Amino acid sequence: MSPTAIVAEYAAAKSRQDVEGALRVCQEDFLLDTVPFGIRGKGKTEVAAQLRIFFTTFPDYAATLEGQAASEVDVTAWGTIRATMRGPLGSFAPTGRAFALPFSCVFPLRDGLLAGERFFFDLNAMCEQLGLPFERVAAELRTFRGEEPSEAPEEKARAFVAKFRDFWRPPLDPERLGELLHPDGRLQTPGMPATVGLEAGKEAFRNLFELMPNLRAELERWSAAGDTVFLEITLRANVGGQELRVPAVDRFLLRDGKAVERVSFFDPSPFLQALGAAAPR
């Protein structure tokens, strides 16, 4: 079974509230990291208990996968989650209201099974749709985790997303990469060698824009948790008269407002095939 098929089976089982079916494609030490809640479960027994509690609150939970991108070591998936609050969430009584939220997940792989899931969605939007007070929910989650109140990272992430949009506004200029990338930042892109350092990153973008001068990255939606930001984008370019649109997900790890790592997930074959067809013979 391919990695994307494994993720699809896992998501389908969770959408049926089939805990055993979901964990059947997971390693024994599977790590579930629900990032917006700040809650982690390690091992099938602990994860199963967490999922059953979650499904008691949201018995009609369902995830619709809208895209996946796989590498040798993990799979990133994205789509929409939907559920109705039929049971209590901590001290909060069920509201009977539903949510529909974009989500992103990263699944590390090991020996043909899922080794973990990092689950990202917008907690603020979830609370708003369910009619719950976000600040009180966040405070209760911090208490549950035994943490002191801390400053939320949303504004830093929002500022980074704004800089990402600015970078991709024409005219495209690789020299502006320093507004996004840390001096020792690492870039990993399908079909291209990984780069380390700002100057190497600028050179990679110069080469990319030389091949596809009208390349654009259109931001569709984003989510953040801690120092990690996920951007769901559409890559667009005209190559040899062929209009290309390729969905992608960029995962950024931030430090001091800039990326120390960016990993892109998409299928590069449409670009490679179009460039090959347009090359002089």
Protein backbone atom coordinates (compact mmCIF):
# COMPACT_ATOMS: atom_id res chain seq x y z
CA MET A 1 0.00 0.00 0.00
CA SER A 2 1.37 3.44 -0.94
CA PRO A 3 1.96 6.07 1.77
CA THR A 4 -0.91 8.21 0.49
CA ALA A 5 -3.23 5.18 0.49
CA ILE A 6 -2.26 4.46 4.11
CA VAL A 7 -3.11 8.05 5.09
CA ALA A 8 -6.42 7.81 3.21
CA GLU A 9 -7.30 4.58 5.06
CA TYR A 10 -6.38 6.16 8.41
CA ALA A 11 -8.49 9.26 7.68
CA ALA A 12 -11.45 7.18 6.50
CA ALA A 13 -11.38 5.06 9.66
CA LYS A 14 -11.30 8.15 11.89
CA SER A 15 -14.22 9.57 9.90
CA ARG A 16 -16.16 6.40 10.86
CA GLN A 17 -14.99 6.80 14.48
CA ASP A 18 -13.29 3.42 14.01
CA VAL A 19 -10.39 3.73 16.44
CA GLU A 20 -9.07 0.21 15.91
CA GLY A 21 -9.28 0.58 12.14
CA ALA A 22 -7.32 3.84 12.22
CA LEU A 23 -4.58 2.44 14.46
CA ARG A 24 -4.26 -0.69 12.33
CA VAL A 25 -2.02 1.26 9.93
CA CYS A 26 0.07 2.81 12.75
CA GLN A 27 3.22 1.77 14.58
CA GLU A 28 2.87 0.58 18.19
CA ASP A 29 4.58 3.77 19.43
CA PHE A 30 2.43 6.03 17.22
CA LEU A 31 2.60 9.67 18.38
CA LEU A 32 -0.55 11.79 17.98
CA ASP A 33 0.21 15.51 18.33
CA THR A 34 -2.94 17.65 18.23
CA VAL A 35 -1.01 20.89 17.95
CA PRO A 36 -3.82 23.45 18.53
CA PHE A 37 -4.79 21.66 21.76
CA GLY A 38 -1.15 21.22 22.77
CA ILE A 39 -1.97 17.61 23.64
CA ARG A 40 0.15 14.60 22.67
CA GLY A 41 -0.53 10.91 23.00
CA LYS A 42 2.17 8.27 22.59
CA GLY A 43 1.51 4.61 21.95
CA LYS A 44 -1.63 2.98 20.61
CA THR A 45 -3.26 2.56 24.04
CA GLU A 46 -2.95 6.23 24.98
CA VAL A 47 -3.90 7.46 21.51
CA ALA A 48 -6.95 5.17 21.43
CA ALA A 49 -8.14 6.62 24.74
CA GLN A 50 -7.71 10.18 23.45
CA LEU A 51 -9.57 9.43 20.23
CA ARG A 52 -12.49 7.86 22.08
CA ILE A 53 -12.81 10.94 24.30
CA PHE A 54 -12.68 13.15 21.21
CA PHE A 55 -15.35 11.11 19.43
CA THR A 56 -17.58 11.30 22.50
CA THR A 57 -17.55 15.07 22.07
CA PHE A 58 -17.71 14.97 18.26
CA PRO A 59 -19.47 11.71 17.30
CA ASP A 60 -19.93 12.70 13.65
CA TYR A 61 -16.35 13.84 13.08
CA ALA A 62 -15.30 13.49 9.44
CA ALA A 63 -12.23 14.54 7.48
CA THR A 64 -12.36 15.20 3.75
CA LEU A 65 -8.93 14.86 2.15
CA GLU A 66 -8.42 17.41 -0.61
CA GLY A 67 -4.76 16.76 -1.33
CA GLN A 68 -1.67 14.86 -0.29
CA ALA A 69 2.05 15.20 -0.94
CA ALA A 70 4.51 12.44 -0.08
CA SER A 71 8.26 12.35 0.43
CA GLU A 72 10.47 9.41 1.40
CA VAL A 73 9.99 10.10 5.10
CA ASP A 74 6.51 11.60 5.53
CA VAL A 75 3.17 12.52 4.01
CA THR A 76 1.45 15.88 4.28
CA ALA A 77 -2.32 15.90 3.84
CA TRP A 78 -4.84 18.71 3.84
CA GLY A 79 -8.56 19.22 3.48
CA THR A 80 -11.60 20.02 5.62
CA ILE A 81 -12.73 18.61 8.96
CA ARG A 82 -16.35 18.76 10.08
CA ALA A 83 -18.04 17.82 13.36
CA THR A 84 -20.90 18.66 15.70
CA MET A 85 -20.34 19.23 19.42
CA ARG A 86 -22.66 16.61 20.97
CA GLY A 87 -20.67 15.99 24.16
CA PRO A 88 -18.68 18.06 26.66
CA LEU A 89 -15.29 19.57 25.84
CA GLY A 90 -13.47 19.81 29.15
CA SER A 91 -15.76 21.84 31.42
CA PHE A 92 -17.77 23.21 28.49
CA ALA A 93 -21.23 21.76 27.92
CA PRO A 94 -22.19 20.63 24.40
CA THR A 95 -23.51 23.46 22.24
CA GLY A 96 -25.00 21.34 19.46
CA ARG A 97 -23.24 23.55 16.95
CA ALA A 98 -20.99 22.34 14.14
CA PHE A 99 -17.67 23.41 12.66
CA ALA A 100 -16.08 23.08 9.22
CA LEU A 101 -12.39 23.93 9.22
CA PRO A 102 -9.40 23.62 6.89
CA PHE A 103 -6.69 21.37 8.29
CA SER A 104 -3.18 20.15 7.57
CA CYS A 105 -1.53 16.99 8.90
CA VAL A 106 2.01 15.65 8.73
CA PHE A 107 2.46 11.88 9.00
CA PRO A 108 6.00 10.54 9.58
CA LEU A 109 6.48 7.09 8.04
CA ARG A 110 8.37 4.07 9.30
CA ASP A 111 8.51 0.56 7.84
CA GLY A 112 5.33 0.97 5.81
CA LEU A 113 3.21 2.31 8.69
CA LEU A 114 2.37 5.69 10.17
CA ALA A 115 4.76 6.64 12.98
CA GLY A 116 2.78 9.71 14.00
CA GLU A 117 0.40 12.52 13.13
CA ARG A 118 0.87 16.26 13.66
CA PHE A 119 -2.60 17.76 13.32
CA PHE A 120 -3.03 21.49 12.57
CA PHE A 121 -6.23 23.55 12.46
CA ASP A 122 -7.43 26.94 13.67
CA LEU A 123 -8.56 26.61 17.30
CA ASN A 124 -9.90 30.16 17.34
CA ALA A 125 -12.13 29.48 14.33
CA MET A 126 -13.29 26.20 15.86
CA CYS A 127 -14.35 27.94 19.07
CA GLU A 128 -16.11 30.69 17.13
CA GLN A 129 -18.14 28.22 15.09
CA LEU A 130 -19.02 26.12 18.16
CA GLY A 131 -20.03 29.16 20.21
CA LEU A 132 -17.25 28.67 22.77
CA PRO A 133 -15.14 31.44 24.36
CA PHE A 134 -11.71 31.04 22.82
CA GLU A 135 -9.73 32.63 25.66
CA ARG A 136 -11.38 30.41 28.26
CA VAL A 137 -10.87 27.29 26.14
CA ALA A 138 -7.20 28.18 25.60
CA ALA A 139 -6.74 28.87 29.32
CA GLU A 140 -8.33 25.55 30.24
CA LEU A 141 -6.05 23.72 27.81
CA ARG A 142 -3.02 25.45 29.35
CA THR A 143 -4.18 24.39 32.81
CA PHE A 144 -4.69 20.83 31.58
CA ARG A 145 -1.12 20.83 30.27
CA GLY A 146 0.18 22.34 33.51
CA GLU A 147 1.52 25.44 31.76
CA GLU A 148 1.72 29.06 32.75
CA PRO A 149 -0.07 31.53 30.45
CA SER A 150 2.12 32.53 27.51
CA GLU A 151 1.84 34.89 24.58
CA ALA A 152 0.05 33.34 21.60
CA PRO A 153 2.15 33.09 18.39
CA GLU A 154 -0.66 33.99 15.96
CA GLU A 155 0.53 37.54 15.33
CA LYS A 156 4.08 36.45 14.51
CA ALA A 157 2.73 33.85 12.10
CA ARG A 158 0.36 36.38 10.55
CA ALA A 159 3.26 38.80 9.99
CA PHE A 160 5.30 36.04 8.33
CA VAL A 161 2.38 35.15 6.03
CA ALA A 162 2.10 38.81 5.02
CA LYS A 163 5.82 38.84 4.11
CA PHE A 164 5.31 35.62 2.09
CA ARG A 165 2.55 37.32 0.08
CA ASP A 166 4.78 40.36 -0.50
CA PHE A 167 7.66 38.19 -1.71
CA TRP A 168 5.49 36.62 -4.42
CA ARG A 169 4.08 39.92 -5.68
CA PRO A 170 5.62 40.90 -9.04
CA PRO A 171 8.21 41.87 -9.93
CA LEU A 172 9.78 38.76 -8.41
CA ASP A 173 13.16 39.47 -6.83
CA PRO A 174 15.25 36.70 -5.22
CA GLU A 175 17.14 39.35 -3.25
CA ARG A 176 14.01 39.82 -1.13
CA LEU A 177 14.30 36.25 0.13
CA GLY A 178 16.15 37.62 3.16
CA GLU A 179 12.82 39.02 4.39
CA LEU A 180 11.61 35.43 4.79
CA LEU A 181 14.63 33.19 5.24
CA HIS A 182 17.05 33.10 8.17
CA PRO A 183 20.75 33.42 7.18
CA ASP A 184 21.25 29.70 7.86
CA GLY A 185 17.83 28.67 6.57
CA ARG A 186 17.31 25.38 4.73
CA LEU A 187 15.05 24.98 1.68
CA GLN A 188 13.79 21.59 0.51
CA THR A 189 11.86 21.46 -2.75
CA PRO A 190 10.70 18.42 -4.77
CA GLY A 191 12.80 17.93 -7.89
CA MET A 192 15.54 20.32 -6.72
CA PRO A 193 18.63 19.94 -4.51
CA ALA A 194 18.17 21.14 -0.94
CA THR A 195 19.93 24.41 -0.09
CA VAL A 196 21.36 25.67 3.18
CA GLY A 197 21.99 29.36 3.77
CA LEU A 198 20.44 32.55 2.43
CA GLU A 199 22.82 33.01 -0.52
CA ALA A 200 22.28 29.44 -1.73
CA GLY A 201 18.54 29.97 -1.41
CA LYS A 202 18.70 33.17 -3.48
CA GLU A 203 20.67 31.35 -6.18
CA ALA A 204 18.07 28.56 -6.27
CA PHE A 205 15.28 31.12 -6.76
CA ARG A 206 17.26 32.95 -9.45
CA ASN A 207 17.59 29.68 -11.36
CA LEU A 208 13.91 28.88 -10.82
CA PHE A 209 12.72 32.29 -12.04
CA GLU A 210 15.03 32.04 -15.06
CA LEU A 211 13.33 28.78 -16.04
CA MET A 212 9.81 30.04 -15.25
CA PRO A 213 9.82 33.85 -15.09
CA ASN A 214 6.04 34.03 -14.64
CA LEU A 215 5.92 31.51 -11.77
CA ARG A 216 3.46 32.55 -9.06
CA ALA A 217 2.56 31.14 -5.65
CA GLU A 218 -1.04 31.97 -4.73
CA LEU A 219 -1.86 31.58 -1.05
CA GLU A 220 -5.12 29.68 -0.47
CA ARG A 221 -5.08 29.36 3.34
CA TRP A 222 -2.71 28.91 6.25
CA SER A 223 -2.49 27.61 9.80
CA ALA A 224 0.06 27.92 12.57
CA ALA A 225 0.98 26.30 15.84
CA GLY A 226 3.93 27.43 17.90
CA ASP A 227 6.85 28.11 15.56
CA THR A 228 5.44 26.05 12.68
CA VAL A 229 3.43 27.62 9.84
CA PHE A 230 1.67 25.71 7.08
CA LEU A 231 0.73 27.46 3.84
CA GLU A 232 -1.56 25.82 1.32
CA ILE A 233 -0.74 27.37 -2.04
CA THR A 234 -1.32 26.98 -5.77
CA LEU A 235 1.77 27.19 -7.97
CA ARG A 236 0.99 28.73 -11.37
CA ALA A 237 3.16 29.15 -14.43
CA ASN A 238 2.95 29.30 -18.22
CA VAL A 239 5.58 27.01 -19.74
CA GLY A 240 5.80 26.81 -23.52
CA GLY A 241 2.23 28.07 -23.82
CA GLN A 242 0.94 25.50 -21.34
CA GLU A 243 -0.89 26.86 -18.29
CA LEU A 244 0.07 24.90 -15.19
CA ARG A 245 -1.67 24.88 -11.79
CA VAL A 246 -0.15 22.64 -9.12
CA PRO A 247 -1.40 22.45 -5.50
CA ALA A 248 1.30 22.54 -2.84
CA VAL A 249 1.88 22.84 0.89
CA ASP A 250 4.82 24.72 2.39
CA ARG A 251 5.87 23.93 5.95
CA PHE A 252 7.94 26.63 7.67
CA LEU A 253 9.77 26.45 10.96
CA LEU A 254 10.29 29.99 12.28
CA ARG A 255 12.90 31.59 14.49
CA ASP A 256 12.86 35.31 15.24
CA GLY A 257 10.19 35.85 12.60
CA LYS A 258 12.10 34.15 9.76
CA ALA A 259 12.22 30.61 8.43
CA VAL A 260 15.05 28.34 9.51
CA GLU A 261 13.50 25.58 7.42
CA ARG A 262 11.00 25.39 4.59
CA VAL A 263 9.87 22.06 3.22
CA SER A 264 7.62 22.09 0.15
CA PHE A 265 5.26 19.24 -0.71
CA PHE A 266 3.93 18.96 -4.27
CA ASP A 267 4.18 16.87 -7.42
CA PRO A 268 6.91 18.43 -9.61
CA SER A 269 6.19 16.26 -12.67
CA PRO A 270 3.86 18.77 -14.45
CA PHE A 271 6.63 21.40 -14.36
CA LEU A 272 9.38 18.95 -15.35
CA GLN A 273 7.36 17.57 -18.26
CA ALA A 274 6.40 21.02 -19.55
CA LEU A 275 9.99 22.29 -19.28
CA GLY A 276 11.24 19.21 -21.10
CA ALA A 277 8.72 19.69 -23.90
CA ALA A 278 9.60 23.40 -24.23
CA ALA A 279 13.39 22.87 -24.28
CA PRO A 280 15.17 23.58 -27.59
CA ARG A 281 15.92 20.48 -29.60
